[in-house]
Amino acid sequence: MPNTIEQLGVKAAGTVKAVKAGYDGLRGVFLHLAEEHGEVAAMMKRVSKSQDRQARREQYARIRSELLSHERAELAEIYPALIPYDITREMVMLHNREAAQLESAIRAVDALDPASEAWGLAFERLRAFVEQHVEQEEKHFFPKAQAALGDAATETLRTRYDAAKVSAKQQLE
């Protein structure tokens, strides 16, 4: 289980990411998603540096839960809201394909022993995929989605996203 200092570091990374996203014009759910991206990136960085089997197992369980619940909540609430807009319709289809790739990369890590070199390599592939996916969302998808939906709708989507994420986490347990 991560200690309080580690948890504060994760939260700080999320806050930094959210501040930058806010500066870049993101609001509502998109600001919140960027914050979550920062938090999971910090957790993944810690795991990638660890050789401790037990620490890897415990921290990866949390990362896995965060990634899957985040992605499933996006699929349930965020991306369907973007289908009606010409500017975002294509990115919805691309995101859906990437969501399937993310789940596949997670299954690849799940199938291996955290003490093995193969686990570390699979985790690094997952980490690289997540970094690429986050960059694409934050630089390309979110700004277009923000413009299409407007500030008021992104606030409403935040509430729906949060509920969907809680539900997804419960299903994962």
Protein backbone atom coordinates (compact mmCIF):
# COMPACT_ATOMS: atom_id res chain seq x y z
CA MET A 1 0.00 0.00 0.00
CA PRO A 2 1.44 3.39 -0.88
CA ASN A 3 2.42 5.55 2.05
CA THR A 4 1.13 9.06 2.71
CA ILE A 5 4.14 10.72 1.09
CA GLU A 6 3.67 8.67 -2.08
CA GLN A 7 -0.06 9.48 -2.12
CA LEU A 8 0.70 13.19 -1.76
CA GLY A 9 3.19 12.94 -4.63
CA VAL A 10 0.56 11.32 -6.83
CA LYS A 11 -2.00 14.01 -5.94
CA ALA A 12 0.57 16.75 -6.57
CA ALA A 13 1.34 15.34 -10.02
CA GLY A 14 -2.38 15.37 -10.78
CA THR A 15 -2.75 18.94 -9.57
CA VAL A 16 0.16 20.12 -11.72
CA LYS A 17 -1.39 18.43 -14.75
CA ALA A 18 -4.77 20.05 -13.99
CA VAL A 19 -3.25 23.50 -13.64
CA LYS A 20 -1.60 23.17 -17.04
CA ALA A 21 -4.83 21.86 -18.57
CA GLY A 22 -6.76 24.77 -17.10
CA TYR A 23 -4.21 27.19 -18.47
CA ASP A 24 -4.67 25.50 -21.87
CA GLY A 25 -8.42 26.20 -21.67
CA LEU A 26 -9.84 22.89 -20.50
CA ARG A 27 -12.77 23.01 -18.08
CA GLY A 28 -15.14 20.66 -16.31
CA VAL A 29 -14.69 16.99 -17.04
CA PHE A 30 -11.70 17.57 -19.30
CA LEU A 31 -9.81 19.37 -16.56
CA HIS A 32 -10.65 16.51 -14.20
CA LEU A 33 -9.53 13.87 -16.72
CA ALA A 34 -6.20 15.64 -17.15
CA GLU A 35 -5.77 15.58 -13.37
CA GLU A 36 -6.43 11.83 -13.33
CA HIS A 37 -3.93 11.39 -16.16
CA GLY A 38 -1.27 13.11 -14.06
CA GLU A 39 -2.00 10.92 -11.06
CA VAL A 40 -1.84 7.63 -12.95
CA ALA A 41 1.35 8.73 -14.75
CA ALA A 42 3.00 9.34 -11.37
CA MET A 43 1.90 5.91 -10.13
CA MET A 44 3.15 4.21 -13.29
CA LYS A 45 6.50 5.96 -13.04
CA ARG A 46 6.98 4.65 -9.50
CA VAL A 47 6.12 1.08 -10.51
CA SER A 48 8.42 1.17 -13.52
CA LYS A 49 11.35 1.95 -11.21
CA SER A 50 10.52 -0.80 -8.72
CA GLN A 51 11.98 -4.30 -8.69
CA ASP A 52 10.06 -5.33 -5.55
CA ARG A 53 7.55 -8.00 -6.54
CA GLN A 54 5.09 -7.23 -3.75
CA ALA A 55 5.24 -3.47 -4.33
CA ARG A 56 4.72 -4.00 -8.06
CA ARG A 57 1.72 -6.25 -7.40
CA GLU A 58 0.06 -3.85 -4.94
CA GLN A 59 0.72 -0.67 -6.90
CA TYR A 60 -0.20 -2.25 -10.22
CA ALA A 61 -3.56 -3.35 -8.79
CA ARG A 62 -4.36 0.29 -8.06
CA ILE A 63 -3.07 1.45 -11.46
CA ARG A 64 -5.10 -1.24 -13.20
CA SER A 65 -8.26 -0.21 -11.35
CA GLU A 66 -7.68 3.46 -12.15
CA LEU A 67 -6.96 2.86 -15.84
CA LEU A 68 -9.89 0.54 -16.43
CA SER A 69 -12.46 2.53 -14.47
CA HIS A 70 -11.27 5.78 -16.09
CA GLU A 71 -11.45 4.34 -19.59
CA ARG A 72 -14.79 2.60 -19.09
CA ALA A 73 -16.32 5.77 -17.66
CA GLU A 74 -15.03 7.75 -20.64
CA LEU A 75 -16.58 5.16 -22.97
CA ALA A 76 -19.88 5.28 -21.11
CA GLU A 77 -20.29 9.04 -20.72
CA ILE A 78 -17.72 11.25 -22.43
CA TYR A 79 -17.24 9.91 -25.92
CA PRO A 80 -20.93 9.13 -26.64
CA ALA A 81 -21.68 12.80 -25.90
CA LEU A 82 -19.29 13.74 -28.72
CA ILE A 83 -20.83 11.62 -31.48
CA PRO A 84 -23.33 14.30 -32.62
CA TYR A 85 -20.58 16.78 -33.50
CA ASP A 86 -18.78 16.63 -36.85
CA ILE A 87 -15.56 17.96 -35.29
CA THR A 88 -15.40 15.10 -32.76
CA ARG A 89 -17.08 12.12 -34.43
CA GLU A 90 -13.88 10.68 -35.96
CA MET A 91 -11.96 10.97 -32.70
CA VAL A 92 -14.71 9.00 -30.94
CA MET A 93 -14.08 6.06 -33.26
CA LEU A 94 -10.31 6.36 -32.81
CA HIS A 95 -10.70 6.53 -29.03
CA ASN A 96 -12.88 3.41 -29.01
CA ARG A 97 -10.18 1.48 -30.89
CA GLU A 98 -7.53 2.72 -28.47
CA ALA A 99 -9.67 1.72 -25.49
CA ALA A 100 -9.68 -1.86 -26.79
CA GLN A 101 -5.89 -1.70 -27.22
CA LEU A 102 -5.52 -0.44 -23.66
CA GLU A 103 -7.54 -3.35 -22.28
CA SER A 104 -5.39 -5.74 -24.33
CA ALA A 105 -2.17 -4.21 -22.97
CA ILE A 106 -3.51 -4.53 -19.42
CA ARG A 107 -4.38 -8.20 -20.00
CA ALA A 108 -0.81 -8.76 -21.22
CA VAL A 109 0.57 -7.40 -17.92
CA ASP A 110 -2.02 -9.32 -15.91
CA ALA A 111 -0.85 -12.61 -17.42
CA LEU A 112 2.72 -12.30 -16.12
CA ASP A 113 4.52 -12.69 -12.80
CA PRO A 114 5.40 -9.24 -11.36
CA ALA A 115 8.86 -10.54 -10.45
CA SER A 116 9.72 -11.42 -14.03
CA GLU A 117 11.60 -9.39 -16.58
CA ALA A 118 8.73 -10.05 -19.01
CA TRP A 119 6.31 -8.34 -16.61
CA GLY A 120 8.54 -5.26 -16.54
CA LEU A 121 8.68 -5.15 -20.33
CA ALA A 122 4.90 -5.59 -20.67
CA PHE A 123 4.34 -2.89 -18.05
CA GLU A 124 6.64 -0.51 -19.94
CA ARG A 125 4.70 -1.17 -23.15
CA LEU A 126 1.49 -0.38 -21.24
CA ARG A 127 3.04 2.76 -19.80
CA ALA A 128 4.20 3.95 -23.23
CA PHE A 129 0.75 3.29 -24.68
CA VAL A 130 -0.91 5.23 -21.86
CA GLU A 131 1.48 8.15 -22.33
CA GLN A 132 0.75 8.27 -26.07
CA HIS A 133 -3.01 7.99 -25.47
CA VAL A 134 -2.96 10.76 -22.84
CA GLU A 135 -0.96 13.07 -25.08
CA GLN A 136 -3.40 12.55 -27.93
CA GLU A 137 -6.42 13.15 -25.69
CA GLU A 138 -5.03 16.25 -24.01
CA LYS A 139 -3.52 17.92 -27.09
CA HIS A 140 -6.08 16.97 -29.73
CA PHE A 141 -9.26 15.35 -28.43
CA PHE A 142 -10.05 17.39 -25.33
CA PRO A 143 -9.66 20.84 -26.90
CA LYS A 144 -11.99 19.86 -29.78
CA ALA A 145 -14.45 18.28 -27.35
CA GLN A 146 -14.34 21.37 -25.11
CA ALA A 147 -15.09 23.59 -28.11
CA ALA A 148 -17.92 21.35 -29.29
CA LEU A 149 -19.62 20.98 -25.92
CA GLY A 150 -18.95 24.29 -24.19
CA ASP A 151 -18.22 24.90 -20.51
CA ALA A 152 -21.70 24.18 -19.10
CA ALA A 153 -21.93 20.74 -20.73
CA THR A 154 -18.43 19.80 -19.57
CA GLU A 155 -19.50 20.50 -15.98
CA THR A 156 -22.56 18.26 -16.38
CA LEU A 157 -20.42 15.55 -17.94
CA ARG A 158 -18.10 15.68 -14.93
CA THR A 159 -20.90 14.50 -12.64
CA ARG A 160 -21.94 11.74 -15.03
CA TYR A 161 -18.32 10.65 -15.55
CA ASP A 162 -17.68 10.47 -11.79
CA ALA A 163 -20.76 8.27 -11.28
CA ALA A 164 -19.76 6.00 -14.17
CA LYS A 165 -16.24 5.67 -12.79
CA VAL A 166 -17.52 4.66 -9.35
CA SER A 167 -19.75 2.07 -11.00
CA ALA A 168 -16.88 0.76 -13.13
CA LYS A 169 -14.64 0.42 -10.06
CA GLN A 170 -17.34 -1.53 -8.24
CA GLN A 171 -17.62 -3.91 -11.19
CA LEU A 172 -13.85 -4.44 -11.14
CA GLU A 173 -13.80 -5.47 -7.47
